[in-house]
C-alpha atoms as a PDB file:
ATOM      1  CA  MET A   1      61.531  93.246  84.667  1.00  0.00           C
ATOM      2  CA  ASN A   2      65.071  93.491  84.526  1.00  0.00           C
ATOM      3  CA  ARG A   3      66.890  91.773  81.524  1.00  0.00           C
ATOM      4  CA  THR A   4      70.363  90.646  82.223  1.00  0.00           C
ATOM      5  CA  LEU A   5      72.980  91.324  79.697  1.00  0.00           C
ATOM      6  CA  SER A   6      75.634  89.168  78.567  1.00  0.00           C
ATOM      7  CA  MET A   7      79.127  90.739  79.478  1.00  0.00           C
ATOM      8  CA  MET A   8      82.228  90.367  77.526  1.00  0.00           C
ATOM      9  CA  LEU A   9      85.645  91.830  77.935  1.00  0.00           C
ATOM     10  CA  ALA A  10      85.996  91.586  74.158  1.00  0.00           C
ATOM     11  CA  LEU A  11      84.260  95.112  73.884  1.00  0.00           C
ATOM     12  CA  LEU A  12      87.482  96.678  75.187  1.00  0.00           C
ATOM     13  CA  ILE A  13      90.782  97.185  72.949  1.00  0.00           C
ATOM     14  CA  GLY A  14      94.264  96.906  74.119  1.00  0.00           C
ATOM     15  CA  CYS A  15      96.193  98.874  76.419  1.00  0.00           C
ATOM     16  CA  THR A  16      98.274 102.140  76.194  1.00  0.00           C
ATOM     17  CA  LYS A  17     100.895 102.964  78.736  1.00  0.00           C
ATOM     18  CA  SER A  18      98.770 104.357  81.581  1.00  0.00           C
ATOM     19  CA  SER A  19     101.174 107.152  82.848  1.00  0.00           C
ATOM     20  CA  ASP A  20     100.758 108.636  79.374  1.00  0.00           C
ATOM     21  CA  SER A  21      96.884 108.402  78.591  1.00  0.00           C
ATOM     22  CA  GLY A  22      95.342 105.822  80.660  1.00  0.00           C
ATOM     23  CA  THR A  23      94.316 102.266  79.668  1.00  0.00           C
ATOM     24  CA  THR A  24      91.657 100.085  78.493  1.00  0.00           C
ATOM     25  CA  ALA A  25      90.913  97.119  80.787  1.00  0.00           C
ATOM     26  CA  SER A  26      90.859  94.066  78.244  1.00  0.00           C
ATOM     27  CA  ASP A  27      94.762  93.520  78.497  1.00  0.00           C
ATOM     28  CA  THR A  28      95.894  94.854  81.729  1.00  0.00           C
ATOM     29  CA  GLY A  29      98.315  91.890  82.454  1.00  0.00           C
ATOM     30  CA  SER A  30      97.353  92.156  86.219  1.00  0.00           C
ATOM     31  CA  GLU A  31      94.643  94.117  88.290  1.00  0.00           C
ATOM     32  CA  SER A  32      97.215  96.779  89.344  1.00  0.00           C
ATOM     33  CA  ALA A  33      97.378  98.467  85.608  1.00  0.00           C
ATOM     34  CA  CYS A  34      94.190 100.231  86.515  1.00  0.00           C
ATOM     35  CA  MET A  35      95.713 101.655  89.647  1.00  0.00           C
ATOM     36  CA  THR A  36      98.403 103.810  88.121  1.00  0.00           C
ATOM     37  CA  GLY A  37      98.386 106.972  85.814  1.00  0.00           C
ATOM     38  CA  THR A  38      94.649 107.675  85.034  1.00  0.00           C
ATOM     39  CA  GLY A  39      93.424 104.419  85.137  1.00  0.00           C
ATOM     40  CA  CYS A  40      91.469 102.245  82.786  1.00  0.00           C
ATOM     41  CA  ILE A  41      88.635 102.815  80.115  1.00  0.00           C
ATOM     42  CA  LEU A  42      86.084 100.309  80.972  1.00  0.00           C
ATOM     43  CA  ALA A  43      83.431 100.822  78.116  1.00  0.00           C
ATOM     44  CA  GLU A  44      83.168 103.644  75.577  1.00  0.00           C
ATOM     45  CA  GLU A  45      81.020 104.632  72.741  1.00  0.00           C
ATOM     46  CA  LEU A  46      78.011 103.339  74.397  1.00  0.00           C
ATOM     47  CA  PRO A  47      74.706 104.572  72.616  1.00  0.00           C
ATOM     48  CA  TYR A  48      73.649 106.747  75.510  1.00  0.00           C
ATOM     49  CA  GLY A  49      75.517 109.474  77.425  1.00  0.00           C
ATOM     50  CA  LEU A  50      76.146 108.637  81.199  1.00  0.00           C
ATOM     51  CA  LEU A  51      75.520 110.918  83.912  1.00  0.00           C
ATOM     52  CA  SER A  52      75.609 109.409  87.106  1.00  0.00           C
ATOM     53  CA  VAL A  53      77.462 106.729  89.087  1.00  0.00           C
ATOM     54  CA  GLN A  54      76.691 105.554  92.738  1.00  0.00           C
ATOM     55  CA  ALA A  55      79.075 102.730  93.912  1.00  0.00           C
ATOM     56  CA  GLU A  56      77.539 102.001  97.211  1.00  0.00           C
ATOM     57  CA  ALA A  57      79.627  98.864  97.202  1.00  0.00           C
ATOM     58  CA  SER A  58      81.974  96.882  95.377  1.00  0.00           C
ATOM     59  CA  ASP A  59      78.991  94.555  94.269  1.00  0.00           C
ATOM     60  CA  ASP A  60      76.443  97.375  94.190  1.00  0.00           C
ATOM     61  CA  VAL A  61      77.266 100.013  91.568  1.00  0.00           C
ATOM     62  CA  TRP A  62      74.468 101.853  89.589  1.00  0.00           C
ATOM     63  CA  ILE A  63      75.021 103.901  86.472  1.00  0.00           C
ATOM     64  CA  VAL A  64      72.192 106.014  84.860  1.00  0.00           C
ATOM     65  CA  GLY A  65      71.973 108.174  81.719  1.00  0.00           C
ATOM     66  CA  SER A  66      70.004 108.977  78.647  1.00  0.00           C
ATOM     67  CA  SER A  67      67.811 107.065  76.199  1.00  0.00           C
ATOM     68  CA  PRO A  68      70.159 105.535  73.343  1.00  0.00           C
ATOM     69  CA  GLU A  69      70.709 107.297  69.917  1.00  0.00           C
ATOM     70  CA  PRO A  70      69.515 106.429  67.460  1.00  0.00           C
ATOM     71  CA  ALA A  71      66.446 105.635  69.612  1.00  0.00           C
ATOM     72  CA  ASP A  72      65.429 102.022  69.692  1.00  0.00           C
ATOM     73  CA  GLY A  73      62.555 102.338  72.272  1.00  0.00           C
ATOM     74  CA  SER A  74      64.517 100.918  75.151  1.00  0.00           C
ATOM     75  CA  GLY A  75      64.470 103.813  77.652  1.00  0.00           C
ATOM     76  CA  PRO A  76      66.968 105.714  79.596  1.00  0.00           C
ATOM     77  CA  ALA A  77      69.986 103.604  80.717  1.00  0.00           C
ATOM     78  CA  VAL A  78      69.987 102.251  84.048  1.00  0.00           C
ATOM     79  CA  LEU A  79      72.836  99.837  84.487  1.00  0.00           C
ATOM     80  CA  HIS A  80      73.581  97.757  87.787  1.00  0.00           C
ATOM     81  CA  PHE A  81      76.613  95.897  88.688  1.00  0.00           C
ATOM     82  CA  ASN A  82      76.382  93.332  91.140  1.00  0.00           C
ATOM     83  CA  GLY A  83      79.962  92.177  91.586  1.00  0.00           C
ATOM     84  CA  THR A  84      79.925  89.526  88.886  1.00  0.00           C
ATOM     85  CA  ASP A  85      77.486  90.474  86.108  1.00  0.00           C
ATOM     86  CA  TRP A  86      75.815  93.772  84.950  1.00  0.00           C
ATOM     87  CA  GLU A  87      72.221  94.053  84.131  1.00  0.00           C
ATOM     88  CA  ARG A  88      70.092  96.804  82.384  1.00  0.00           C
ATOM     89  CA  LEU A  89      66.691  97.747  83.897  1.00  0.00           C
ATOM     90  CA  ASN A  90      63.725  97.849  81.437  1.00  0.00           C
ATOM     91  CA  THR A  91      62.807 101.458  81.332  1.00  0.00           C
ATOM     92  CA  SER A  92      61.048 101.261  77.797  1.00  0.00           C
ATOM     93  CA  GLU A  93      58.052 103.003  79.332  1.00  0.00           C
ATOM     94  CA  TRP A  94      60.101 106.131  79.598  1.00  0.00           C
ATOM     95  CA  ALA A  95      61.670 105.876  76.081  1.00  0.00           C
ATOM     96  CA  GLY A  96      63.292 109.050  75.059  1.00  0.00           C
ATOM     97  CA  ALA A  97      63.838 110.427  78.699  1.00  0.00           C
ATOM     98  CA  GLU A  98      67.031 111.137  80.345  1.00  0.00           C
ATOM     99  CA  LEU A  99      68.045 110.058  84.105  1.00  0.00           C
ATOM    100  CA  TRP A 100      70.431 112.373  85.573  1.00  0.00           C
ATOM    101  CA  TRP A 101      70.894 111.126  89.109  1.00  0.00           C
ATOM    102  CA  ALA A 102      70.317 108.316  91.421  1.00  0.00           C
ATOM    103  CA  TRP A 103      69.776 107.615  95.155  1.00  0.00           C
ATOM    104  CA  ILE A 104      70.499 104.151  96.454  1.00  0.00           C
ATOM    105  CA  ALA A 105      69.233 102.291  99.596  1.00  0.00           C
ATOM    106  CA  SER A 106      69.500  98.633 100.442  1.00  0.00           C
ATOM    107  CA  ASP A 107      65.952  97.862  99.518  1.00  0.00           C
ATOM    108  CA  GLU A 108      65.208 100.659  96.969  1.00  0.00           C
ATOM    109  CA  ALA A 109      66.557 103.118  94.391  1.00  0.00           C
ATOM    110  CA  VAL A 110      65.325 106.385  93.203  1.00  0.00           C
ATOM    111  CA  PHE A 111      66.104 107.787  89.672  1.00  0.00           C
ATOM    112  CA  VAL A 112      65.180 111.445  88.656  1.00  0.00           C
ATOM    113  CA  GLY A 113      65.670 113.049  85.109  1.00  0.00           C
ATOM    114  CA  ASN A 114      63.540 115.179  82.639  1.00  0.00           C
ATOM    115  CA  GLN A 115      60.051 115.071  81.689  1.00  0.00           C
ATOM    116  CA  GLY A 116      59.092 115.363  85.263  1.00  0.00           C
ATOM    117  CA  VAL A 117      60.368 111.798  85.952  1.00  0.00           C
ATOM    118  CA  ILE A 118      60.848 110.429  89.373  1.00  0.00           C
ATOM    119  CA  LEU A 119      61.215 106.543  89.532  1.00  0.00           C
ATOM    120  CA  GLU A 120      61.126 104.373  92.429  1.00  0.00           C
ATOM    121  CA  LEU A 121      62.728 101.062  92.260  1.00  0.00           C
ATOM    122  CA  ASP A 122      61.744  98.181  94.630  1.00  0.00           C
ATOM    123  CA  ARG A 123      64.905  96.336  94.695  1.00  0.00           C
ATOM    124  CA  ASP A 124      63.152  93.244  96.159  1.00  0.00           C
ATOM    125  CA  ASP A 125      60.717  92.589  93.336  1.00  0.00           C
ATOM    126  CA  GLY A 126      62.260  94.681  90.578  1.00  0.00           C
ATOM    127  CA  SER A 127      59.146  96.889  89.895  1.00  0.00           C
ATOM    128  CA  LEU A 128      59.871 100.222  88.652  1.00  0.00           C
ATOM    129  CA  THR A 129      57.224 102.984  89.125  1.00  0.00           C
ATOM    130  CA  ALA A 130      56.821 106.641  88.443  1.00  0.00           C
ATOM    131  CA  VAL A 131      55.734 109.248  90.913  1.00  0.00           C
ATOM    132  CA  ASP A 132      52.575 111.230  89.824  1.00  0.00           C
ATOM    133  CA  GLY A 133      52.631 115.070  90.027  1.00  0.00           C
ATOM    134  CA  PRO A 134      55.643 116.683  88.621  1.00  0.00           C
ATOM    135  CA  SER A 135      54.874 118.827  85.314  1.00  0.00           C
ATOM    136  CA  PRO A 136      56.624 117.106  82.238  1.00  0.00           C
ATOM    137  CA  GLU A 137      58.336 120.665  81.852  1.00  0.00           C
ATOM    138  CA  THR A 138      60.294 119.843  84.960  1.00  0.00           C
ATOM    139  CA  THR A 139      63.788 118.465  84.932  1.00  0.00           C
ATOM    140  CA  PHE A 140      65.123 116.948  88.121  1.00  0.00           C
ATOM    141  CA  PHE A 141      68.957 116.996  88.025  1.00  0.00           C
ATOM    142  CA  GLY A 142      69.878 115.681  91.529  1.00  0.00           C
ATOM    143  CA  VAL A 143      68.398 113.634  94.246  1.00  0.00           C
ATOM    144  CA  TRP A 144      69.683 112.885  97.820  1.00  0.00           C
ATOM    145  CA  GLY A 145      68.246 111.978 101.125  1.00  0.00           C
ATOM    146  CA  SER A 146      69.746 110.878 104.712  1.00  0.00           C
ATOM    147  CA  ASP A 147      67.269 108.130 104.798  1.00  0.00           C
ATOM    148  CA  PRO A 148      64.185 106.784 103.027  1.00  0.00           C
ATOM    149  CA  GLU A 149      61.778 109.040 105.035  1.00  0.00           C
ATOM    150  CA  ASP A 150      63.488 112.371 103.811  1.00  0.00           C
ATOM    151  CA  LEU A 151      64.513 112.713 100.371  1.00  0.00           C
ATOM    152  CA  TRP A 152      65.109 115.750  98.099  1.00  0.00           C
ATOM    153  CA  ALA A 153      64.867 116.355  94.356  1.00  0.00           C
ATOM    154  CA  VAL A 154      65.913 119.253  92.775  1.00  0.00           C
ATOM    155  CA  GLY A 155      66.056 120.830  89.209  1.00  0.00           C
ATOM    156  CA  GLN A 156      64.270 123.253  87.029  1.00  0.00           C
ATOM    157  CA  THR A 157      60.534 124.113  85.930  1.00  0.00           C
ATOM    158  CA  GLU A 158      59.040 125.332  82.637  1.00  0.00           C
ATOM    159  CA  GLY A 159      62.243 124.014  80.608  1.00  0.00           C
ATOM    160  CA  GLY A 160      64.384 126.309  82.790  1.00  0.00           C
ATOM    161  CA  ASP A 161      62.492 129.509  82.383  1.00  0.00           C
ATOM    162  CA  GLY A 162      60.531 129.096  85.656  1.00  0.00           C
ATOM    163  CA  PRO A 163      61.629 129.081  89.229  1.00  0.00           C
ATOM    164  CA  ARG A 164      63.698 126.370  90.725  1.00  0.00           C
ATOM    165  CA  ALA A 165      62.104 122.812  91.088  1.00  0.00           C
ATOM    166  CA  ILE A 166      62.262 121.457  94.938  1.00  0.00           C
ATOM    167  CA  TRP A 167      60.407 118.310  95.470  1.00  0.00           C
ATOM    168  CA  ARG A 168      60.783 116.387  99.136  1.00  0.00           C
ATOM    169  CA  ARG A 169      59.466 112.966 100.053  1.00  0.00           C
ATOM    170  CA  LEU A 170      58.499 112.934 103.673  1.00  0.00           C
ATOM    171  CA  ASP A 171      56.965 109.540 105.104  1.00  0.00           C
ATOM    172  CA  GLY A 172      56.566 108.087 101.592  1.00  0.00           C
ATOM    173  CA  GLU A 173      54.861 110.962  99.799  1.00  0.00           C
ATOM    174  CA  TRP A 174      56.222 113.115  97.194  1.00  0.00           C
ATOM    175  CA  SER A 175      55.118 116.875  96.818  1.00  0.00           C
ATOM    176  CA  ALA A 176      56.506 120.314  95.604  1.00  0.00           C
ATOM    177  CA  TRP A 177      58.193 121.941  98.515  1.00  0.00           C
ATOM    178  CA  GLN A 178      58.496 125.705  99.143  1.00  0.00           C
ATOM    179  CA  ASP A 179      60.565 127.160 101.941  1.00  0.00           C
ATOM    180  CA  PRO A 180      58.588 129.229 104.186  1.00  0.00           C
ATOM    181  CA  SER A 181      61.276 131.956 104.219  1.00  0.00           C
ATOM    182  CA  LEU A 182      62.670 132.098 100.827  1.00  0.00           C
ATOM    183  CA  GLY A 183      59.492 131.396  99.017  1.00  0.00           C
ATOM    184  CA  LEU A 184      58.965 130.139  95.255  1.00  0.00           C
ATOM    185  CA  GLY A 185      62.181 131.671  94.078  1.00  0.00           C
ATOM    186  CA  ASP A 186      62.844 133.772  91.073  1.00  0.00           C
ATOM    187  CA  PRO A 187      62.275 132.637  87.425  1.00  0.00           C
ATOM    188  CA  GLY A 188      65.337 131.075  85.593  1.00  0.00           C
ATOM    189  CA  VAL A 189      66.924 129.632  88.662  1.00  0.00           C
ATOM    190  CA  ILE A 190      68.017 126.240  88.503  1.00  0.00           C
ATOM    191  CA  TYR A 191      69.234 123.856  91.337  1.00  0.00           C
ATOM    192  CA  PHE A 192      71.612 121.305  89.978  1.00  0.00           C
ATOM    193  CA  LYS A 193      72.468 118.985  92.873  1.00  0.00           C
ATOM    194  CA  VAL A 194      71.599 118.257  96.432  1.00  0.00           C
ATOM    195  CA  HIS A 195      73.543 116.385  98.847  1.00  0.00           C
ATOM    196  CA  GLY A 196      74.456 116.233 102.577  1.00  0.00           C
ATOM    197  CA  THR A 197      75.339 114.164 105.765  1.00  0.00           C
ATOM    198  CA  ALA A 198      72.148 114.340 107.901  1.00  0.00           C
ATOM    199  CA  ARG A 199      68.467 115.454 107.834  1.00  0.00           C
ATOM    200  CA  ASP A 200      69.590 118.679 109.233  1.00  0.00           C
ATOM    201  CA  ASP A 201      72.748 119.283 107.090  1.00  0.00           C
ATOM    202  CA  VAL A 202      71.943 119.541 103.429  1.00  0.00           C
ATOM    203  CA  TRP A 203      73.511 121.520 100.674  1.00  0.00           C
ATOM    204  CA  PHE A 204      71.882 122.691  97.385  1.00  0.00           C
ATOM    205  CA  VAL A 205      73.691 124.312  94.446  1.00  0.00           C
ATOM    206  CA  GLY A 206      72.580 126.016  91.326  1.00  0.00           C
ATOM    207  CA  THR A 207      73.159 128.813  88.755  1.00  0.00           C
ATOM    208  CA  GLY A 208      74.701 132.057  89.447  1.00  0.00           C
ATOM    209  CA  GLY A 209      76.940 130.584  92.095  1.00  0.00           C
ATOM    210  CA  ARG A 210      74.119 129.700  94.344  1.00  0.00           C
ATOM    211  CA  ALA A 211      74.420 127.744  97.424  1.00  0.00           C
ATOM    212  CA  LEU A 212      71.903 127.089 100.165  1.00  0.00           C
ATOM    213  CA  HIS A 213      72.168 124.928 103.406  1.00  0.00           C
ATOM    214  CA  TRP A 214      69.094 123.273 105.107  1.00  0.00           C
ATOM    215  CA  ASP A 215      69.689 123.089 108.832  1.00  0.00           C
ATOM    216  CA  GLY A 216      66.468 121.075 109.479  1.00  0.00           C
ATOM    217  CA  SER A 217      64.283 124.009 109.789  1.00  0.00           C
ATOM    218  CA  ALA A 218      64.838 126.687 107.073  1.00  0.00           C
ATOM    219  CA  LEU A 219      66.965 126.955 103.863  1.00  0.00           C
ATOM    220  CA  ARG A 220      69.807 129.641 104.430  1.00  0.00           C
ATOM    221  CA  PRO A 221      71.791 131.277 101.173  1.00  0.00           C
ATOM    222  CA  ILE A 222      75.316 131.013 101.935  1.00  0.00           C
ATOM    223  CA  ALA A 223      77.630 133.491  99.833  1.00  0.00           C
ATOM    224  CA  THR A 224      80.008 131.770  97.511  1.00  0.00           C
ATOM    225  CA  ASP A 225      82.079 134.852  96.177  1.00  0.00           C
ATOM    226  CA  GLY A 226      84.299 135.495  99.175  1.00  0.00           C
ATOM    227  CA  ASP A 227      87.188 134.554  97.075  1.00  0.00           C
ATOM    228  CA  THR A 228      86.225 134.775  93.524  1.00  0.00           C
ATOM    229  CA  PRO A 229      83.319 136.187  91.403  1.00  0.00           C
ATOM    230  CA  THR A 230      80.789 133.426  91.112  1.00  0.00           C
ATOM    231  CA  SER A 231      77.708 135.237  89.793  1.00  0.00           C
ATOM    232  CA  THR A 232      78.259 133.825  86.410  1.00  0.00           C
ATOM    233  CA  ALA A 233      79.467 130.580  87.140  1.00  0.00           C
ATOM    234  CA  PRO A 234      76.895 127.693  87.689  1.00  0.00           C
ATOM    235  CA  LEU A 235      77.629 125.364  90.674  1.00  0.00           C
ATOM    236  CA  LEU A 236      76.744 121.946  89.242  1.00  0.00           C
ATOM    237  CA  THR A 237      77.435 119.378  91.969  1.00  0.00           C
ATOM    238  CA  VAL A 238      78.089 119.443  95.643  1.00  0.00           C
ATOM    239  CA  ASP A 239      79.650 116.869  97.961  1.00  0.00           C
ATOM    240  CA  ALA A 240      78.922 117.262 101.573  1.00  0.00           C
ATOM    241  CA  ASP A 241      81.775 115.441 102.924  1.00  0.00           C
ATOM    242  CA  PRO A 242      81.717 115.912 106.759  1.00  0.00           C
ATOM    243  CA  SER A 243      85.416 117.302 106.897  1.00  0.00           C
ATOM    244  CA  MET A 244      84.858 119.727 104.081  1.00  0.00           C
ATOM    245  CA  PRO A 245      81.892 120.298 101.669  1.00  0.00           C
ATOM    246  CA  VAL A 246      83.130 120.666  98.224  1.00  0.00           C
ATOM    247  CA  ALA A 247      81.112 122.349  95.259  1.00  0.00           C
ATOM    248  CA  VAL A 248      82.279 122.454  91.587  1.00  0.00           C
ATOM    249  CA  GLY A 249      81.227 124.004  88.463  1.00  0.00           C
ATOM    250  CA  GLY A 250      82.579 127.030  86.507  1.00  0.00           C
ATOM    251  CA  ALA A 251      81.824 128.776  82.981  1.00  0.00           C
ATOM    252  CA  GLY A 252      84.864 128.108  80.921  1.00  0.00           C
ATOM    253  CA  ASN A 253      87.334 127.559  83.654  1.00  0.00           C
ATOM    254  CA  GLY A 254      86.726 124.906  86.281  1.00  0.00           C
ATOM    255  CA  LEU A 255      85.672 126.347  89.588  1.00  0.00           C
ATOM    256  CA  LEU A 256      86.074 124.447  92.850  1.00  0.00           C
ATOM    257  CA  LEU A 257      85.091 125.699  96.131  1.00  0.00           C
ATOM    258  CA  GLU A 258      85.632 124.357  99.786  1.00  0.00           C
ATOM    259  CA  TYR A 259      83.422 125.320 102.782  1.00  0.00           C
ATOM    260  CA  ASP A 260      85.452 126.032 105.789  1.00  0.00           C
ATOM    261  CA  GLY A 261      82.575 126.235 108.090  1.00  0.00           C
ATOM    262  CA  SER A 262      82.045 129.964 107.721  1.00  0.00           C
ATOM    263  CA  ALA A 263      82.787 130.781 103.866  1.00  0.00           C
ATOM    264  CA  TRP A 264      83.342 129.035 100.694  1.00  0.00           C
ATOM    265  CA  ARG A 265      86.887 129.267  99.716  1.00  0.00           C
ATOM    266  CA  ASP A 266      88.406 129.150  96.035  1.00  0.00           C
ATOM    267  CA  LYS A 267      90.842 126.107  95.650  1.00  0.00           C
ATOM    268  CA  SER A 268      90.123 125.826  92.027  1.00  0.00           C
ATOM    269  CA  PRO A 269      92.976 123.685  90.315  1.00  0.00           C
ATOM    270  CA  ALA A 270      94.773 125.784  87.601  1.00  0.00           C
ATOM    271  CA  PHE A 271      93.998 125.401  83.896  1.00  0.00           C
ATOM    272  CA  GLN A 272      91.141 123.051  84.198  1.00  0.00           C
ATOM    273  CA  PRO A 273      88.052 123.147  82.171  1.00  0.00           C
ATOM    274  CA  GLY A 274      84.604 123.454  83.667  1.00  0.00           C
ATOM    275  CA  LEU A 275      83.932 120.831  86.349  1.00  0.00           C
ATOM    276  CA  ASN A 276      80.712 118.636  86.464  1.00  0.00           C
ATOM    277  CA  GLY A 277      81.275 116.343  89.238  1.00  0.00           C
ATOM    278  CA  VAL A 278      83.056 115.739  92.619  1.00  0.00           C
ATOM    279  CA  CYS A 279      82.942 112.595  94.801  1.00  0.00           C
ATOM    280  CA  SER A 280      84.833 111.115  97.872  1.00  0.00           C
ATOM    281  CA  GLY A 281      85.174 107.885  99.678  1.00  0.00           C
ATOM    282  CA  ALA A 282      87.894 105.751 100.862  1.00  0.00           C
ATOM    283  CA  ASP A 283      90.049 108.578 102.079  1.00  0.00           C
ATOM    284  CA  GLN A 284      90.062 109.968  98.431  1.00  0.00           C
ATOM    285  CA  GLN A 285      88.179 113.191  96.879  1.00  0.00           C
ATOM    286  CA  TRP A 286      87.816 113.825  93.189  1.00  0.00           C
ATOM    287  CA  ALA A 287      86.465 116.338  90.802  1.00  0.00           C
ATOM    288  CA  VAL A 288      85.642 115.565  87.130  1.00  0.00           C
ATOM    289  CA  GLY A 289      84.470 117.506  84.359  1.00  0.00           C
ATOM    290  CA  GLN A 290      85.007 118.543  80.550  1.00  0.00           C
ATOM    291  CA  ASN A 291      87.591 117.150  78.117  1.00  0.00           C
ATOM    292  CA  GLY A 292      88.305 114.223  80.329  1.00  0.00           C
ATOM    293  CA  SER A 293      89.702 116.338  83.286  1.00  0.00           C
ATOM    294  CA  ARG A 294      90.245 114.875  86.536  1.00  0.00           C
ATOM    295  CA  SER A 295      91.720 116.411  89.866  1.00  0.00           C
ATOM    296  CA  SER A 296      92.326 114.892  93.370  1.00  0.00           C
ATOM    297  CA  ARG A 297      92.842 116.401  96.720  1.00  0.00           C
ATOM    298  CA  SER A 298      96.265 115.627  97.814  1.00  0.00           C
ATOM    299  CA  GLU A 299      97.490 114.891 101.410  1.00  0.00           C
ATOM    300  CA  ASP A 300      98.333 118.580 102.121  1.00  0.00           C
ATOM    301  CA  GLY A 301      94.900 119.739 101.070  1.00  0.00           C
ATOM    302  CA  ALA A 302      95.820 121.107  97.787  1.00  0.00           C
ATOM    303  CA  TRP A 303      93.861 119.954  94.425  1.00  0.00           C
ATOM    304  CA  GLU A 304      96.194 118.296  91.902  1.00  0.00           C
ATOM    305  CA  SER A 305      94.747 117.671  88.276  1.00  0.00           C
ATOM    306  CA  ASP A 306      96.214 114.983  85.803  1.00  0.00           C
ATOM    307  CA  THR A 307      97.653 117.856  84.061  1.00  0.00           C
ATOM    308  CA  ASP A 308      99.695 118.680  87.096  1.00  0.00           C
ATOM    309  CA  ARG A 309     100.899 115.177  87.221  1.00  0.00           C
ATOM    310  CA  MET A 310     102.003 115.316  83.591  1.00  0.00           C
ATOM    311  CA  GLN A 311      99.289 112.924  82.679  1.00  0.00           C
ATOM    312  CA  SER A 312      96.988 112.922  79.653  1.00  0.00           C
ATOM    313  CA  PRO A 313      93.250 111.998  80.048  1.00  0.00           C
ATOM    314  CA  PRO A 314      92.213 108.392  79.087  1.00  0.00           C
ATOM    315  CA  THR A 315      89.333 110.004  76.933  1.00  0.00           C
ATOM    316  CA  TYR A 316      88.422 113.537  75.664  1.00  0.00           C
ATOM    317  CA  GLU A 317      84.779 113.119  76.460  1.00  0.00           C
ATOM    318  CA  ASP A 318      83.264 114.865  79.170  1.00  0.00           C
ATOM    319  CA  TRP A 319      83.321 113.268  82.563  1.00  0.00           C
ATOM    320  CA  HIS A 320      79.818 114.062  84.212  1.00  0.00           C
ATOM    321  CA  GLY A 321      79.824 112.051  87.500  1.00  0.00           C
ATOM    322  CA  CYS A 322      81.874 110.287  89.663  1.00  0.00           C
ATOM    323  CA  ASP A 323      82.014 108.049  92.933  1.00  0.00           C
ATOM    324  CA  VAL A 324      84.462 106.155  94.915  1.00  0.00           C
ATOM    325  CA  ALA A 325      83.411 102.758  96.300  1.00  0.00           C
ATOM    326  CA  PRO A 326      84.338 101.744  99.798  1.00  0.00           C
ATOM    327  CA  ASN A 327      87.038  99.265  98.258  1.00  0.00           C
ATOM    328  CA  GLY A 328      88.727 102.461  97.026  1.00  0.00           C
ATOM    329  CA  VAL A 329      87.875 102.041  93.296  1.00  0.00           C
ATOM    330  CA  LEU A 330      87.130 105.492  91.823  1.00  0.00           C
ATOM    331  CA  TRP A 331      84.219 105.127  89.145  1.00  0.00           C
ATOM    332  CA  THR A 332      83.702 108.161  86.396  1.00  0.00           C
ATOM    333  CA  VAL A 333      80.981 108.246  83.944  1.00  0.00           C
ATOM    334  CA  GLY A 334      80.310 110.527  80.999  1.00  0.00           C
ATOM    335  CA  GLY A 335      80.246 110.828  77.183  1.00  0.00           C
ATOM    336  CA  ARG A 336      79.186 113.435  74.622  1.00  0.00           C
ATOM    337  CA  ILE A 337      76.888 115.531  76.826  1.00  0.00           C
ATOM    338  CA  ALA A 338      77.393 119.022  76.158  1.00  0.00           C
ATOM    339  CA  SER A 339      74.598 119.189  73.559  1.00  0.00           C
ATOM    340  CA  ARG A 340      71.786 116.756  72.495  1.00  0.00           C
ATOM    341  CA  PRO A 341      71.555 113.918  71.709  1.00  0.00           C
ATOM    342  CA  LEU A 342      73.483 112.692  74.619  1.00  0.00           C
ATOM    343  CA  THR A 343      75.445 109.824  73.589  1.00  0.00           C
ATOM    344  CA  SER A 344      79.010 108.226  73.260  1.00  0.00           C
ATOM    345  CA  GLY A 345      78.665 106.991  76.882  1.00  0.00           C
ATOM    346  CA  VAL A 346      82.175 106.218  78.601  1.00  0.00           C
ATOM    347  CA  ILE A 347      83.114 104.398  82.002  1.00  0.00           C
ATOM    348  CA  GLY A 348      86.429 104.900  83.520  1.00  0.00           C
ATOM    349  CA  ILE A 349      87.592 102.985  86.395  1.00  0.00           C
ATOM    350  CA  GLN A 350      90.683 103.512  88.617  1.00  0.00           C
ATOM    351  CA  GLY A 351      91.629 101.127  91.516  1.00  0.00           C
ATOM    352  CA  PRO A 352      92.713  97.627  92.297  1.00  0.00           C
ATOM    353  CA  VAL A 353      89.533  95.589  91.178  1.00  0.00           C
ATOM    354  CA  VAL A 354      88.766  95.595  87.414  1.00  0.00           C
ATOM    355  CA  PRO A 355      85.028  94.405  86.610  1.00  0.00           C
ATOM    356  CA  PRO A 356      83.828  93.182  83.283  1.00  0.00           C
ATOM    357  CA  ALA A 357      82.531  96.052  81.016  1.00  0.00           C
ATOM    358  CA  PRO A 358      78.664  96.562  80.164  1.00  0.00           C
ATOM    359  CA  PHE A 359      77.552  97.046  76.492  1.00  0.00           C
ATOM    360  CA  ASP A 360      74.669  96.606  74.187  1.00  0.00           C
END
């Protein structure tokens, strides 16, 4: 069963000038303080690293991450904001696990992570169950589906030494999936994320600059090195926005590619560290990454970083994921996630509405 956490803004410390380094949300004076500069830090130094945020609505925000450090048996973080209060799901049965991504629907949610974990939440009765089948040596880094009858989960097998992991849920049943043309795949290949717009328009990205497109009947590799070498650069996240799919990653320097309908084009913002996440919504598109870096697409289509805007990051922890709620609020999550244990979770927010902060 879920246990509701008491939420207090007292967790947060005073403000700094947002045009210089972002603010915290405890003393904003007005809601507009979190709209300018680099927004606000909603919570920080949480005991778990945070890896994904899904803002389906202003009153339906989900954040997932690792188990806390030091370990207390409470399991990986699954936080839900309902517009007024936060609650943390009881995941103690999977204590020690990490949850890397989430897929949210009106009546269910699916969370995936390491130890072969695929968790299905019935949002009506609050029950949380694990899917049988995946090996504990499998890590799922991404999950997405156009509808509940067709979901994909992707990642790695054998701790990263085996071929890619691709599982699919069709008509309620999960099973390992193998493309008839591409087969099982080579050892050491990892797919980090999957995202699409429909059952016949799905993108997969992974190691070595790999990008695959599913057209409803087969997976087709799409070269990503037309403008810049990508063979040594992992692609970590893809946003299949209908107007322009975007994939981000990089080894050392941030890599941002846009698919123009025929090829992936290099649109990387200058002087940015590796990018981990990309998201869009409410006429915005953002890429986030290491050392608190953020970049957004401007009206002319160019990508502009906070550095370009002469703004310092509100945190130097790594952002891992982001999402834009329908009300225009940008959510960002991350922490100390470059090495284990994952910890020091941080939540950032930018927009006209400032929710209370979750904490343990």
